[in-house]
Each structure stands twice: as C-alpha cells, then as structure tokens.
Amino acid sequence: MITAHTDTVSAPRLPLAVLAAEVNGRMMCVVIDSYFDESLAPGLVSVPIPADDPAWQELRTAPRLGISVLNPLQTIGVANIAPSLTSDGGPGVVEGAAVHLTARLYQEFDAGQHTVALMSVSGRRTGDIAPEQRDYLFAA
C-alpha cells in the first residue's frame, strides 16, 4: 500500500504528485505533497521527500524518474494509485495524471526530516485536463 508521508509536527497535506521509476525490475514510487519549479534554464524542480523513506533510497539510483502531477480525483484515492503506475523500463507514470515530467536526480540536500531532491527535467507531457481541474493545477 502506498501512503502519503507527513511530518509529526504539521497537519497532513493533500498528496500532489507521485515520483516513480522502475528499479531492478520493480516499480518504485514515493507520494509527494509539493514540488517547486526552481529554474527554467536549465529546467529544475525540487521535491521534498521524507528522509527515512526506504523507496527513495532505491529511486535515487534510477537514471530517469517520472513525476506525475495528480488530478483532483487521484489525490483522494492515492492509497490505490499503485495499479495505475506504468513504465517501459524507465520513468514511472501514473495513468490519467494531469502532467507527466521526465527527470533525473541533479542534486539532493539534507533538510532535517526531509531530503530535498533537485530534479533536472528533460521532458513534459500534459494529460487530459478537464476545465474544472484547471484552477486546481494552477494553485498546485
């Protein structure tokens, strides 16, 4: 089962995206509750990941990772997201997600209870976005 990680100090936050890849023949993923665009040239985004997340220890070795920005209905059922993960031996994507990014780990930083992963984005694909979901994606 996949669950969203939260700090013990702060209130639980709604999952925003899934970071995934196939590693050693297994699909691995981490649910993330935020990501930030850091640079347009080169394209860099940062994602906070719980420092003790065992999946990240394997994911960080993948040559390419997928970041799937979830649509509003997917955020509600994030615990059941695993069956919708697909991969062709590389970055994992969540089918039906609003946006898919292909990235690689650029750098990572210790941030207390989290590791901040700076990702270099090499590709972007937009999924089907219903008009009522556009405001959600802008706010996310």
Protein backbone atom coordinates (compact mmCIF):
# COMPACT_ATOMS: atom_id res chain seq x y z
CA MET A 1 0.00 0.00 0.00
CA ILE A 2 1.23 3.49 -0.82
CA THR A 3 0.62 6.22 1.72
CA ALA A 4 1.41 9.91 1.82
CA HIS A 5 4.14 10.83 4.30
CA THR A 6 3.58 13.74 6.67
CA ASP A 7 5.55 15.40 9.43
CA THR A 8 4.56 14.63 13.01
CA VAL A 9 4.53 18.37 13.70
CA SER A 10 2.34 19.61 10.85
CA ALA A 11 -1.13 18.63 9.73
CA PRO A 12 -1.41 16.06 6.91
CA ARG A 13 -1.31 17.62 3.46
CA LEU A 14 -3.04 16.50 0.31
CA PRO A 15 -0.78 14.46 -2.00
CA LEU A 16 0.13 16.38 -5.14
CA ALA A 17 2.31 14.09 -7.21
CA VAL A 18 3.99 10.71 -7.47
CA LEU A 19 7.71 10.27 -8.13
CA ALA A 20 8.27 6.85 -9.73
CA ALA A 21 10.65 4.67 -11.72
CA GLU A 22 11.39 1.06 -12.43
CA VAL A 23 14.40 -0.01 -10.36
CA ASN A 24 15.88 -3.52 -10.68
CA GLY A 25 12.73 -4.72 -12.42
CA ARG A 26 10.38 -3.36 -9.72
CA MET A 27 8.16 -0.30 -9.89
CA MET A 28 9.02 2.03 -7.01
CA CYS A 29 7.29 5.25 -6.03
CA VAL A 30 7.11 8.00 -3.43
CA VAL A 31 4.00 10.14 -2.95
CA ILE A 32 4.95 13.81 -2.59
CA ASP A 33 2.83 16.67 -1.30
CA SER A 34 4.65 19.52 -3.03
CA TYR A 35 7.14 20.37 -5.71
CA PHE A 36 8.61 23.67 -6.78
CA ASP A 37 9.94 24.98 -10.05
CA GLU A 38 13.42 26.30 -9.40
CA SER A 39 14.77 27.19 -12.83
CA LEU A 40 13.58 27.34 -16.43
CA ALA A 41 17.05 27.11 -17.99
CA PRO A 42 18.06 24.51 -17.13
CA GLY A 43 14.68 23.07 -16.19
CA LEU A 44 14.90 22.21 -12.48
CA VAL A 45 12.22 21.29 -9.94
CA SER A 46 12.65 20.39 -6.28
CA VAL A 47 10.69 17.83 -4.30
CA PRO A 48 10.81 17.19 -0.54
CA ILE A 49 10.96 13.51 0.41
CA PRO A 50 10.85 12.11 3.95
CA ALA A 51 14.48 11.37 4.86
CA ASP A 52 13.64 7.90 6.14
CA ASP A 53 11.63 6.80 3.08
CA PRO A 54 13.09 3.43 2.00
CA ALA A 55 11.72 3.75 -1.54
CA TRP A 56 13.74 6.94 -2.11
CA GLN A 57 16.98 5.08 -1.35
CA GLU A 58 16.30 2.92 -4.41
CA LEU A 59 14.62 5.55 -6.59
CA ARG A 60 17.56 7.93 -6.30
CA THR A 61 19.70 5.42 -8.25
CA ALA A 62 17.37 5.37 -11.27
CA PRO A 63 18.75 7.10 -14.38
CA ARG A 64 15.30 8.57 -15.19
CA LEU A 65 12.34 9.26 -12.92
CA GLY A 66 8.77 10.20 -13.66
CA ILE A 67 6.91 12.91 -11.77
CA SER A 68 3.15 12.62 -12.27
CA VAL A 69 1.12 15.60 -11.07
CA LEU A 70 -2.17 14.08 -9.97
CA ASN A 71 -5.61 15.26 -10.97
CA PRO A 72 -8.02 16.12 -8.11
CA LEU A 73 -9.79 12.74 -8.10
CA GLN A 74 -6.48 10.87 -7.93
CA THR A 75 -5.38 12.81 -4.83
CA ILE A 76 -8.39 11.47 -2.96
CA GLY A 77 -7.59 7.84 -3.77
CA VAL A 78 -3.80 8.00 -3.58
CA ALA A 79 -3.62 4.81 -1.49
CA ASN A 80 -4.89 2.91 -4.54
CA ILE A 81 -2.59 4.57 -7.08
CA ALA A 82 -0.14 1.65 -7.48
CA PRO A 83 -2.20 -0.23 -10.11
CA SER A 84 -2.16 2.84 -12.39
CA LEU A 85 1.67 3.11 -12.42
CA THR A 86 3.27 2.14 -15.73
CA SER A 87 6.81 2.10 -17.05
CA ASP A 88 8.71 0.96 -20.11
CA GLY A 89 11.83 0.18 -18.12
CA GLY A 90 12.38 3.80 -17.15
CA PRO A 91 10.43 6.62 -15.53
CA GLY A 92 7.15 5.61 -13.96
CA VAL A 93 3.97 7.49 -14.80
CA VAL A 94 0.53 7.48 -13.24
CA GLU A 95 -2.01 6.94 -16.00
CA GLY A 96 -4.61 9.69 -16.03
CA ALA A 97 -2.37 12.23 -14.28
CA ALA A 98 -2.68 15.85 -15.39
CA VAL A 99 1.05 16.33 -16.11
CA HIS A 100 3.97 13.92 -16.58
CA LEU A 101 7.57 15.09 -16.18
CA THR A 102 10.64 13.02 -17.05
CA ALA A 103 13.58 13.90 -14.83
CA ARG A 104 16.86 12.74 -13.34
CA LEU A 105 18.34 13.46 -9.94
CA TYR A 106 20.54 16.55 -10.22
CA GLN A 107 21.42 17.11 -6.54
CA GLU A 108 19.99 16.38 -3.13
CA PHE A 109 20.18 18.25 0.15
CA ASP A 110 19.59 17.31 3.78
CA ALA A 111 16.66 19.32 5.14
CA GLY A 112 16.09 17.87 8.60
CA GLN A 113 13.26 15.35 8.41
CA HIS A 114 13.33 15.59 4.63
CA THR A 115 15.69 15.23 1.73
CA VAL A 116 15.18 17.90 -0.91
CA ALA A 117 15.77 16.36 -4.32
CA LEU A 118 16.61 18.78 -7.11
CA MET A 119 15.49 17.19 -10.37
CA SER A 120 16.62 18.08 -13.89
CA VAL A 121 13.56 17.93 -16.17
CA SER A 122 14.13 16.57 -19.68
CA GLY A 123 10.54 16.10 -20.82
CA ARG A 124 6.96 17.14 -20.15
CA ARG A 125 3.66 15.73 -21.34
CA THR A 126 0.25 17.10 -20.46
CA GLY A 127 -2.61 14.70 -19.87
CA ASP A 128 -6.29 15.35 -20.42
CA ILE A 129 -7.27 18.24 -18.16
CA ALA A 130 -10.96 18.91 -17.66
CA PRO A 131 -11.95 22.60 -17.46
CA GLU A 132 -12.96 22.22 -13.81
CA GLN A 133 -9.45 20.93 -12.95
CA ARG A 134 -7.52 23.88 -14.43
CA ASP A 135 -7.85 26.09 -11.34
CA TYR A 136 -6.61 23.22 -9.15
CA LEU A 137 -3.49 22.74 -11.26
CA PHE A 138 -2.73 26.45 -11.24
CA ALA A 139 -3.00 26.57 -7.43
CA ALA A 140 -0.90 23.42 -7.04
